[in-house]
Amino acid sequence: MKGIASICLPRCERSTLLQGVMFLGLAFTWLFLAGSARADELAEIAFTEGLVAVKTGAPEEAVERLGEATQRNPEDAVAWYWLGVAHARLDEKEAALEAFDRALALDPRFAEASYARGNVLNSQGDEREAKLAWDQAAALAPGSDLARRAREMGDVPRPPDASGRDWYADAGMGVEYDTNVFLYPNQGDAPVVGGIGGKRYRPSDPIQDTRFVFYVDGGYRLFGGDNWSINTHQSFQAGVQARSEDVNYVEYRPSLSLLYDADPLTFGLSYTFTLFGLGGEVLSVSHEVEPSVTLREGNRSYTRLFYRYTRNDFVDDVASNFDLSGNDHRVGIDQYLLLFDRRGYARLGVEFRRDLTDGSEYSGSYTTLGGEILAPIPGDATLRLEAAQRWADFDNDSAFSIPNTVFFVMGPTFNRTIVPVRTGDPKNEILTTVSATVSREFGDHWSASARYIYSVNQSTIQTYDYNRSIFSVFANYRF
């Protein structure tokens, strides 16, 4: 179980040891020259001395000096917060709660104080109030690393015997209407016998279809300390098509991650295994390793840099041009900015990808520029807008660029014609995707969301030119 010693330490203008030492030197110089100081200056001196004591592991001295700072300036929410941290380090829970309450009374949007208050309440066994405090912290700083930690804590039921294993679980279901299931609009209804895997798609016109999606997510916090944790996450999802049975899918993704917080940097390392099945058969398995580093820039923005390596092995016995086996390398950077009084955020990111799969249809280079914005809207709901554009250059011999080759036919069963496949050209694409999601929570466990996704692909291969819309509605239960 995560203890009160894990209280987060927010980064602010006066929160570093070097700044504290410099301020002390300037303050004592002023006292020596002037012989006296105003009350607010004395409060600043006491605050800085107390903060240095917290940083250097002297909580008794920190309580004394920060207590003096709050007496001289009772309106300083940050000083009250650090006084609570010092009391918590001494296991003085009631005094810590009183200090955090004073900080929140002065600044109701002080997310760090709410998070720290939840940790102390949890150590007292008051799990209901602790969860409320963590939920409040997450709502005050959406998109931040603090919000992620608060959600993890708030989603974890803790039994009275304190087993030491944190866990969380979500289950949900939804329905989607997809206007382009196969992404081959220029093929007509569907490939005939002799297509992918030698199988014929059923029924004869499954381009537009409805599917039902089911998912279960859960995880454990295996180990953890003041600044680090080891976590596992399990994800299972299944999609059942109403008509096109051959594209029913199942995906299982277990993962293991290590996080180390060295404020203002957070280092992460994760491993993910993915098993993907299509049409009742295993299609592929993959292994993914991702190191990352996140730089926290004050209390309103942070930057995340990551590298991701994926090894994918294609299992299904199909033609070589559809083989997805190979290595995939990605590097990306995301910049986040908290908005709307820290109840929303904006993100802008870029990703470079090199896909070295064996199949000639998939090996290529990709560049993606994307962004999103999360904002509160009336009715206690949340709106998420996302957009991305991907440029793909398949610098290989595309399966559709082999001259004098016809792959598909189109039209009704008794009136089929040849697909006008463009041959002899390399495959280059520009994929643009936009989406909008509205979600709302109902009580402590239930939430619902509605989403619309639109994508358009511009390809030098006529068969791959398409427009696609997906409408979906989901319900989720958090255990």
Protein backbone atom coordinates (compact mmCIF):
# COMPACT_ATOMS: atom_id res chain seq x y z
CA MET A 1 0.00 0.00 0.00
CA LYS A 2 1.24 3.43 -0.82
CA GLY A 3 2.00 5.29 2.41
CA ILE A 4 1.95 8.91 3.43
CA ALA A 5 5.65 9.21 2.73
CA SER A 6 4.72 9.21 -0.96
CA ILE A 7 3.19 12.68 -0.82
CA CYS A 8 4.09 14.49 -4.02
CA LEU A 9 6.35 17.51 -3.97
CA PRO A 10 5.12 20.18 -6.41
CA ARG A 11 7.63 22.23 -8.30
CA CYS A 12 7.29 26.01 -7.90
CA GLU A 13 9.43 29.14 -8.06
CA ARG A 14 10.72 28.75 -4.52
CA SER A 15 10.87 24.98 -4.24
CA THR A 16 14.42 24.01 -5.15
CA LEU A 17 17.28 23.64 -2.75
CA LEU A 18 19.53 25.92 -4.77
CA GLN A 19 16.94 28.68 -4.82
CA GLY A 20 16.42 28.25 -1.09
CA VAL A 21 20.10 28.63 -0.31
CA MET A 22 20.38 31.68 -2.58
CA PHE A 23 17.33 33.25 -0.96
CA LEU A 24 18.68 32.63 2.53
CA GLY A 25 21.91 34.35 1.61
CA LEU A 26 20.11 37.37 0.22
CA ALA A 27 17.73 37.51 3.18
CA PHE A 28 20.49 37.42 5.82
CA THR A 29 22.46 40.03 3.88
CA TRP A 30 19.42 42.30 3.97
CA LEU A 31 18.96 41.72 7.69
CA PHE A 32 22.61 42.54 8.32
CA LEU A 33 22.43 45.77 6.31
CA ALA A 34 19.01 47.00 7.38
CA GLY A 35 18.97 45.65 10.93
CA SER A 36 15.31 44.65 10.65
CA ALA A 37 12.82 43.24 8.16
CA ARG A 38 9.13 43.43 7.48
CA ALA A 39 6.83 40.60 8.57
CA ASP A 40 6.37 39.32 5.00
CA GLU A 41 10.12 39.11 4.54
CA LEU A 42 10.48 37.17 7.78
CA ALA A 43 7.73 34.84 6.58
CA GLU A 44 9.63 34.26 3.36
CA ILE A 45 12.81 33.50 5.28
CA ALA A 46 11.00 31.02 7.53
CA PHE A 47 9.30 29.40 4.53
CA THR A 48 12.57 28.94 2.66
CA GLU A 49 14.35 27.54 5.72
CA GLY A 50 11.47 25.12 6.25
CA LEU A 51 11.47 24.05 2.62
CA VAL A 52 15.22 23.41 2.74
CA ALA A 53 14.65 21.30 5.86
CA VAL A 54 12.01 19.21 4.04
CA LYS A 55 14.31 18.69 1.07
CA THR A 56 17.28 17.72 3.25
CA GLY A 57 15.33 15.24 5.41
CA ALA A 58 14.87 17.27 8.61
CA PRO A 59 11.08 17.19 9.17
CA GLU A 60 11.25 18.37 12.81
CA GLU A 61 13.02 21.58 11.83
CA ALA A 62 10.71 21.90 8.83
CA VAL A 63 7.62 21.83 11.07
CA GLU A 64 9.09 24.54 13.28
CA ARG A 65 10.11 26.89 10.47
CA LEU A 66 7.05 26.31 8.26
CA GLY A 67 4.83 26.76 11.31
CA GLU A 68 6.43 30.16 11.84
CA ALA A 69 5.90 30.98 8.15
CA THR A 70 2.17 30.21 8.35
CA GLN A 71 1.83 32.23 11.56
CA ARG A 72 3.42 35.26 9.96
CA ASN A 73 1.48 34.82 6.70
CA PRO A 74 -1.70 32.72 7.27
CA GLU A 75 -2.82 33.33 3.66
CA ASP A 76 0.10 31.39 2.10
CA ALA A 77 -1.45 28.18 0.74
CA VAL A 78 1.89 26.79 -0.42
CA ALA A 79 3.41 27.19 3.07
CA TRP A 80 0.45 25.32 4.58
CA TYR A 81 0.92 22.54 2.03
CA TRP A 82 4.59 22.06 2.88
CA LEU A 83 3.76 22.19 6.59
CA GLY A 84 1.39 19.28 5.95
CA VAL A 85 4.14 17.40 4.12
CA ALA A 86 6.49 17.89 7.08
CA HIS A 87 3.87 16.68 9.59
CA ALA A 88 3.16 13.64 7.37
CA ARG A 89 6.86 12.79 7.31
CA LEU A 90 6.70 12.68 11.12
CA ASP A 91 3.57 10.49 10.96
CA GLU A 92 1.55 13.30 12.59
CA LYS A 93 -1.58 12.58 10.57
CA GLU A 94 -4.09 14.90 12.20
CA ALA A 95 -1.74 17.88 12.01
CA ALA A 96 -0.97 17.04 8.38
CA LEU A 97 -4.67 16.90 7.50
CA GLU A 98 -5.30 20.24 9.21
CA ALA A 99 -2.48 21.84 7.21
CA PHE A 100 -3.71 20.39 3.90
CA ASP A 101 -7.26 21.53 4.70
CA ARG A 102 -5.97 25.07 5.30
CA ALA A 103 -4.11 25.00 1.98
CA LEU A 104 -7.25 23.86 0.12
CA ALA A 105 -9.38 26.45 1.89
CA LEU A 106 -7.05 29.16 0.60
CA ASP A 107 -6.65 27.59 -2.88
CA PRO A 108 -9.47 25.14 -3.74
CA ARG A 109 -7.66 24.21 -6.99
CA PHE A 110 -4.47 23.08 -5.22
CA ALA A 111 -4.29 19.58 -6.78
CA GLU A 112 -1.12 18.53 -4.96
CA ALA A 113 -2.67 19.31 -1.58
CA SER A 114 -5.74 17.24 -2.40
CA TYR A 115 -3.58 14.31 -3.53
CA ALA A 116 -1.44 14.47 -0.38
CA ARG A 117 -4.56 14.71 1.78
CA GLY A 118 -5.84 11.50 0.16
CA ASN A 119 -2.61 9.70 1.02
CA VAL A 120 -2.90 10.66 4.69
CA LEU A 121 -6.57 9.67 4.85
CA ASN A 122 -5.72 6.31 3.28
CA SER A 123 -3.03 5.71 5.91
CA GLN A 124 -5.72 6.27 8.55
CA GLY A 125 -7.97 3.65 6.96
CA ASP A 126 -10.55 6.19 5.73
CA GLU A 127 -10.66 4.80 2.20
CA ARG A 128 -13.89 6.50 1.13
CA GLU A 129 -12.64 10.01 1.92
CA ALA A 130 -9.21 9.15 0.48
CA LYS A 131 -10.81 8.17 -2.83
CA LEU A 132 -12.77 11.42 -2.93
CA ALA A 133 -9.57 13.39 -2.35
CA TRP A 134 -7.69 11.51 -5.09
CA ASP A 135 -10.60 11.95 -7.52
CA GLN A 136 -10.60 15.67 -6.77
CA ALA A 137 -6.85 15.89 -7.42
CA ALA A 138 -7.24 14.10 -10.76
CA ALA A 139 -10.09 16.41 -11.78
CA LEU A 140 -8.05 19.51 -10.89
CA ALA A 141 -5.05 18.54 -13.04
CA PRO A 142 -6.33 16.46 -16.01
CA GLY A 143 -3.72 15.05 -18.34
CA SER A 144 -0.86 15.50 -15.88
CA ASP A 145 1.31 12.86 -14.26
CA LEU A 146 -0.26 13.83 -10.92
CA ALA A 147 -3.71 13.07 -12.37
CA ARG A 148 -2.51 9.66 -13.57
CA ARG A 149 -1.17 8.78 -10.12
CA ALA A 150 -4.32 10.09 -8.45
CA ARG A 151 -6.55 8.03 -10.77
CA GLU A 152 -4.48 4.94 -10.04
CA MET A 153 -4.87 5.53 -6.31
CA GLY A 154 -8.53 6.52 -6.52
CA ASP A 155 -9.44 3.47 -8.62
CA VAL A 156 -7.88 1.07 -6.12
CA PRO A 157 -10.22 -0.51 -3.55
CA ARG A 158 -8.20 -1.15 -0.39
CA PRO A 159 -9.50 -3.87 1.92
CA PRO A 160 -9.26 -3.32 5.70
CA ASP A 161 -6.52 -5.93 6.02
CA ALA A 162 -4.28 -3.83 3.74
CA SER A 163 -3.01 -6.69 1.62
CA GLY A 164 -0.46 -4.41 -0.02
CA ARG A 165 -1.58 -5.13 -3.59
CA ASP A 166 -3.28 -2.26 -5.37
CA TRP A 167 -5.69 -3.21 -8.14
CA TYR A 168 -8.21 -1.64 -10.44
CA ALA A 169 -10.65 -2.93 -13.05
CA ASP A 170 -13.00 -1.57 -15.69
CA ALA A 171 -15.48 -3.33 -17.92
CA GLY A 172 -17.51 -1.91 -20.75
CA MET A 173 -19.43 -2.56 -23.92
CA GLY A 174 -20.52 -0.54 -26.89
CA VAL A 175 -21.85 -0.55 -30.39
CA GLU A 176 -20.15 0.92 -33.47
CA TYR A 177 -21.42 1.60 -36.95
CA ASP A 178 -18.60 1.50 -39.50
CA THR A 179 -19.18 2.82 -43.02
CA ASN A 180 -16.10 1.09 -44.45
CA VAL A 181 -15.20 -2.16 -42.73
CA PHE A 182 -12.69 -3.44 -45.31
CA LEU A 183 -11.21 -0.09 -46.43
CA TYR A 184 -11.39 -1.24 -50.04
CA PRO A 185 -14.20 0.93 -51.49
CA ASN A 186 -12.88 0.66 -55.04
CA GLN A 187 -13.20 -3.12 -54.96
CA GLY A 188 -16.96 -3.05 -54.90
CA ASP A 189 -18.71 -5.49 -52.61
CA ALA A 190 -15.90 -7.85 -51.60
CA PRO A 191 -13.10 -10.10 -52.89
CA VAL A 192 -14.26 -13.36 -54.43
CA VAL A 193 -12.98 -16.86 -53.73
CA GLY A 194 -9.18 -16.79 -53.91
CA GLY A 195 -8.84 -13.55 -51.97
CA ILE A 196 -7.20 -13.22 -48.56
CA GLY A 197 -6.53 -16.71 -47.22
CA GLY A 198 -8.50 -18.22 -50.10
CA LYS A 199 -11.74 -17.37 -48.30
CA ARG A 200 -14.79 -15.53 -49.49
CA TYR A 201 -16.16 -12.77 -47.30
CA ARG A 202 -19.76 -13.16 -46.09
CA PRO A 203 -22.19 -11.73 -46.92
CA SER A 204 -21.44 -10.40 -50.39
CA ASP A 205 -21.62 -6.69 -49.41
CA PRO A 206 -20.15 -6.18 -45.93
CA ILE A 207 -18.54 -2.77 -46.52
CA GLN A 208 -20.95 -1.01 -44.13
CA ASP A 209 -21.56 -2.92 -40.94
CA THR A 210 -22.35 -2.73 -37.23
CA ARG A 211 -20.15 -4.33 -34.60
CA PHE A 212 -20.44 -4.88 -30.89
CA VAL A 213 -17.33 -4.25 -28.78
CA PHE A 214 -16.62 -5.68 -25.32
CA TYR A 215 -13.61 -4.90 -23.16
CA VAL A 216 -12.14 -5.53 -19.72
CA ASP A 217 -9.16 -3.61 -18.32
CA GLY A 218 -7.42 -4.19 -15.04
CA GLY A 219 -4.08 -4.03 -13.32
CA TYR A 220 -1.99 -4.33 -10.19
CA ARG A 221 0.56 -2.14 -8.50
CA LEU A 222 3.10 -4.85 -7.73
CA PHE A 223 5.71 -2.83 -5.85
CA GLY A 224 6.20 0.81 -5.03
CA GLY A 225 8.13 3.35 -3.03
CA ASP A 226 8.21 7.10 -2.57
CA ASN A 227 9.45 7.70 -6.11
CA TRP A 228 9.06 4.44 -8.02
CA SER A 229 6.54 1.73 -8.81
CA ILE A 230 6.21 -1.48 -10.81
CA ASN A 231 2.80 -2.06 -12.34
CA THR A 232 1.08 -4.60 -14.55
CA HIS A 233 -1.91 -3.98 -16.80
CA GLN A 234 -4.19 -6.47 -18.53
CA SER A 235 -6.43 -5.52 -21.44
CA PHE A 236 -8.90 -7.70 -23.32
CA GLN A 237 -11.12 -6.56 -26.18
CA ALA A 238 -13.40 -8.35 -28.61
CA GLY A 239 -15.38 -7.09 -31.58
CA VAL A 240 -18.26 -9.00 -33.18
CA GLN A 241 -19.50 -7.88 -36.60
CA ALA A 242 -23.21 -8.07 -37.25
CA ARG A 243 -22.77 -9.41 -40.81
CA SER A 244 -19.10 -9.67 -41.86
CA GLU A 245 -18.13 -12.57 -39.61
CA ASP A 246 -14.62 -12.91 -41.04
CA VAL A 247 -13.53 -9.66 -39.38
CA ASN A 248 -14.63 -10.59 -35.86
CA TYR A 249 -11.57 -9.91 -33.74
CA VAL A 250 -10.07 -10.60 -30.31
CA GLU A 251 -7.12 -8.74 -28.78
CA TYR A 252 -5.34 -9.50 -25.50
CA ARG A 253 -2.60 -7.12 -24.26
CA PRO A 254 -0.81 -7.78 -20.94
CA SER A 255 1.93 -5.30 -20.01
CA LEU A 256 4.49 -4.59 -17.30
CA SER A 257 5.81 -1.09 -16.55
CA LEU A 258 8.36 0.59 -14.31
CA LEU A 259 8.04 4.27 -13.31
CA TYR A 260 10.62 6.36 -11.48
CA ASP A 261 9.82 9.93 -10.43
CA ALA A 262 12.85 12.21 -10.08
CA ASP A 263 11.02 15.52 -10.14
CA PRO A 264 10.92 17.27 -12.59
CA LEU A 265 11.69 14.13 -14.64
CA THR A 266 9.69 10.90 -14.69
CA PHE A 267 11.31 7.87 -16.32
CA GLY A 268 9.27 4.97 -17.65
CA LEU A 269 9.96 1.56 -19.16
CA SER A 270 7.23 -0.79 -20.34
CA TYR A 271 6.87 -4.15 -22.06
CA THR A 272 3.65 -5.20 -23.82
CA PHE A 273 2.68 -8.53 -25.38
CA THR A 274 -0.19 -8.55 -27.89
CA LEU A 275 -2.15 -11.52 -29.19
CA PHE A 276 -4.51 -10.64 -32.04
CA GLY A 277 -7.05 -12.96 -33.59
CA LEU A 278 -9.23 -12.40 -36.65
CA GLY A 279 -12.10 -14.49 -37.92
CA GLY A 280 -11.66 -17.10 -35.21
CA GLU A 281 -7.94 -17.69 -35.89
CA VAL A 282 -4.74 -16.25 -34.41
CA LEU A 283 -3.47 -13.62 -36.84
CA SER A 284 -0.39 -12.17 -35.12
CA VAL A 285 1.61 -11.90 -31.92
CA SER A 286 3.86 -8.97 -31.04
CA HIS A 287 6.34 -7.84 -28.41
CA GLU A 288 6.72 -4.13 -27.61
CA VAL A 289 9.31 -2.29 -25.49
CA GLU A 290 8.95 1.44 -24.77
CA PRO A 291 11.32 3.63 -22.73
CA SER A 292 10.08 7.17 -22.08
CA VAL A 293 10.93 10.32 -20.15
CA THR A 294 8.52 13.07 -19.07
CA LEU A 295 9.69 16.56 -18.14
CA ARG A 296 7.38 18.49 -15.83
CA GLU A 297 7.57 22.23 -16.54
CA GLY A 298 6.01 24.00 -13.60
CA ASN A 299 2.41 23.18 -12.74
CA ARG A 300 0.83 23.78 -16.15
CA SER A 301 2.81 21.93 -18.80
CA TYR A 302 4.99 18.91 -19.43
CA THR A 303 6.77 17.21 -22.32
CA ARG A 304 6.95 13.46 -23.00
CA LEU A 305 9.57 11.82 -25.22
CA PHE A 306 9.37 8.12 -26.11
CA TYR A 307 10.91 5.39 -28.27
CA ARG A 308 8.98 2.24 -29.11
CA TYR A 309 10.30 -0.99 -30.61
CA THR A 310 7.84 -3.64 -31.78
CA ARG A 311 8.53 -7.13 -33.09
CA ASN A 312 5.50 -8.55 -34.86
CA ASP A 313 5.08 -12.15 -36.04
CA PHE A 314 2.31 -12.89 -38.50
CA VAL A 315 0.81 -16.34 -37.89
CA ASP A 316 -1.94 -16.76 -40.47
CA ASP A 317 -1.08 -18.75 -43.59
CA VAL A 318 -1.67 -16.16 -46.32
CA ALA A 319 0.11 -14.72 -49.31
CA SER A 320 3.52 -13.16 -48.60
CA ASN A 321 2.41 -9.68 -49.66
CA PHE A 322 0.05 -9.64 -46.67
CA ASP A 323 2.72 -10.76 -44.17
CA LEU A 324 2.96 -8.37 -41.21
CA SER A 325 6.04 -10.01 -39.66
CA GLY A 326 8.96 -7.71 -38.96
CA ASN A 327 10.35 -4.89 -36.83
CA ASP A 328 8.77 -1.51 -36.16
CA HIS A 329 10.63 1.51 -34.72
CA ARG A 330 8.93 4.69 -33.50
CA VAL A 331 10.13 7.85 -31.79
CA GLY A 332 7.84 10.68 -30.76
CA ILE A 333 7.44 13.76 -28.60
CA ASP A 334 4.28 15.22 -27.04
CA GLN A 335 3.81 18.64 -25.44
CA TYR A 336 0.95 19.08 -22.94
CA LEU A 337 -0.52 22.30 -21.57
CA LEU A 338 -3.15 22.40 -18.82
CA LEU A 339 -6.12 24.67 -19.56
CA PHE A 340 -9.54 25.67 -18.24
CA ASP A 341 -8.39 26.11 -14.63
CA ARG A 342 -6.61 22.77 -14.90
CA ARG A 343 -9.81 20.95 -15.80
CA GLY A 344 -8.63 20.33 -19.38
CA TYR A 345 -5.53 20.26 -21.52
CA ALA A 346 -4.15 20.61 -25.03
CA ARG A 347 -1.58 18.30 -26.63
CA LEU A 348 0.53 18.60 -29.75
CA GLY A 349 2.81 15.77 -30.85
CA VAL A 350 4.85 14.37 -33.70
CA GLU A 351 5.87 10.76 -34.34
CA PHE A 352 8.32 9.19 -36.76
CA ARG A 353 7.93 5.51 -37.61
CA ARG A 354 9.97 3.03 -39.63
CA ASP A 355 8.12 -0.21 -40.36
CA LEU A 356 10.36 -3.06 -41.58
CA THR A 357 7.75 -5.77 -42.12
CA ASP A 358 8.32 -8.64 -44.53
CA GLY A 359 5.19 -8.06 -46.58
CA SER A 360 5.60 -5.65 -49.47
CA GLU A 361 2.30 -3.95 -48.66
CA TYR A 362 3.35 -2.74 -45.22
CA SER A 363 7.08 -1.91 -45.10
CA GLY A 364 7.53 1.86 -45.19
CA SER A 365 8.19 5.14 -43.40
CA TYR A 366 5.55 7.23 -41.61
CA THR A 367 5.41 10.72 -40.16
CA THR A 368 2.41 11.67 -38.01
CA LEU A 369 1.47 15.10 -36.68
CA GLY A 370 -1.40 15.10 -34.21
CA GLY A 371 -3.05 16.95 -31.38
CA GLU A 372 -5.99 16.91 -29.04
CA ILE A 373 -7.88 19.14 -26.65
CA LEU A 374 -9.87 18.08 -23.58
CA ALA A 375 -12.38 20.58 -22.21
CA PRO A 376 -15.23 20.62 -19.70
CA ILE A 377 -18.65 21.40 -21.17
CA PRO A 378 -22.06 22.13 -19.62
CA GLY A 379 -23.88 19.24 -17.97
CA ASP A 380 -20.81 17.96 -16.08
CA ALA A 381 -19.58 16.38 -19.30
CA THR A 382 -16.22 16.37 -21.04
CA LEU A 383 -15.44 16.99 -24.72
CA ARG A 384 -12.35 15.55 -26.38
CA LEU A 385 -11.35 16.66 -29.89
CA GLU A 386 -8.53 14.88 -31.72
CA ALA A 387 -6.92 15.30 -35.13
CA ALA A 388 -3.95 13.72 -36.87
CA GLN A 389 -2.37 13.60 -40.30
CA ARG A 390 -0.04 10.81 -41.37
CA TRP A 391 2.27 10.82 -44.37
CA ALA A 392 3.32 7.32 -45.49
CA ASP A 393 6.01 6.45 -48.02
CA PHE A 394 6.14 2.75 -48.89
CA ASP A 395 9.59 2.64 -50.45
CA ASN A 396 9.22 -0.91 -51.75
CA ASP A 397 7.51 -2.81 -54.53
CA SER A 398 3.87 -2.68 -53.59
CA ALA A 399 1.74 -5.72 -54.28
CA PHE A 400 -0.46 -3.38 -56.30
CA SER A 401 2.45 -1.97 -58.28
CA ILE A 402 3.31 -5.24 -60.04
CA PRO A 403 2.54 -4.59 -63.74
CA ASN A 404 -0.14 -6.59 -65.58
CA THR A 405 -1.56 -8.13 -62.44
CA VAL A 406 -5.24 -8.15 -61.45
CA PHE A 407 -6.08 -9.03 -57.85
CA PHE A 408 -9.80 -8.47 -57.36
CA VAL A 409 -13.12 -8.32 -59.15
CA MET A 410 -16.19 -6.36 -58.10
CA GLY A 411 -19.94 -6.21 -58.47
CA PRO A 412 -22.87 -8.57 -57.74
CA THR A 413 -22.24 -12.28 -57.78
CA PHE A 414 -23.51 -12.82 -61.34
CA ASN A 415 -22.28 -9.54 -62.81
CA ARG A 416 -18.70 -8.99 -61.72
CA THR A 417 -16.20 -6.71 -63.44
CA ILE A 418 -12.46 -6.21 -63.09
CA VAL A 419 -11.31 -3.78 -60.41
CA PRO A 420 -9.52 -0.78 -61.98
CA VAL A 421 -6.30 -1.33 -59.99
CA ARG A 422 -3.60 1.19 -60.72
CA THR A 423 -0.34 -0.69 -61.32
CA GLY A 424 3.29 0.19 -61.74
CA ASP A 425 3.46 2.97 -59.12
CA PRO A 426 4.90 3.03 -55.58
CA LYS A 427 2.44 3.30 -52.74
CA ASN A 428 2.28 6.72 -51.02
CA GLU A 429 -0.54 7.85 -48.77
CA ILE A 430 -1.82 10.80 -46.75
CA LEU A 431 -4.24 9.76 -44.02
CA THR A 432 -6.23 12.45 -42.18
CA THR A 433 -8.31 11.56 -39.12
CA VAL A 434 -10.51 13.71 -36.85
CA SER A 435 -12.69 12.64 -33.93
CA ALA A 436 -14.97 14.06 -31.24
CA THR A 437 -15.92 12.30 -27.99
CA VAL A 438 -18.40 13.40 -25.34
CA SER A 439 -18.28 11.54 -22.02
CA ARG A 440 -19.96 11.86 -18.65
CA GLU A 441 -19.70 10.07 -15.31
CA PHE A 442 -22.78 8.88 -13.43
CA GLY A 443 -22.04 8.29 -9.77
CA ASP A 444 -18.93 6.54 -8.50
CA HIS A 445 -18.88 3.65 -10.97
CA TRP A 446 -20.73 4.29 -14.22
CA SER A 447 -19.75 6.43 -17.20
CA ALA A 448 -20.96 6.76 -20.79
CA SER A 449 -19.47 8.18 -23.96
CA ALA A 450 -20.43 8.89 -27.57
CA ARG A 451 -17.81 9.24 -30.31
CA TYR A 452 -17.56 10.09 -34.00
CA ILE A 453 -14.44 9.37 -36.08
CA TYR A 454 -13.92 10.48 -39.67
CA SER A 455 -10.90 9.51 -41.77
CA VAL A 456 -9.92 10.03 -45.40
CA ASN A 457 -7.00 8.33 -47.12
CA GLN A 458 -5.38 9.70 -50.27
CA SER A 459 -3.31 6.99 -51.95
CA THR A 460 -1.43 6.56 -55.21
CA ILE A 461 -3.05 3.11 -55.34
CA GLN A 462 -6.67 3.62 -56.30
CA THR A 463 -7.88 0.63 -54.31
CA TYR A 464 -6.72 2.29 -51.07
CA ASP A 465 -8.45 5.65 -51.63
CA TYR A 466 -11.26 5.75 -49.08
CA ASN A 467 -13.45 7.76 -46.73
CA ARG A 468 -14.57 6.23 -43.45
CA SER A 469 -16.95 7.22 -40.64
CA ILE A 470 -17.40 5.38 -37.34
CA PHE A 471 -20.22 6.22 -34.93
CA SER A 472 -20.06 4.63 -31.46
CA VAL A 473 -21.72 4.63 -28.05
CA PHE A 474 -20.12 3.01 -24.98
CA ALA A 475 -21.01 2.31 -21.36
CA ASN A 476 -18.32 1.65 -18.75
CA TYR A 477 -18.36 0.30 -15.18
CA ARG A 478 -15.46 0.98 -12.83
CA PHE A 479 -15.09 -1.55 -10.00
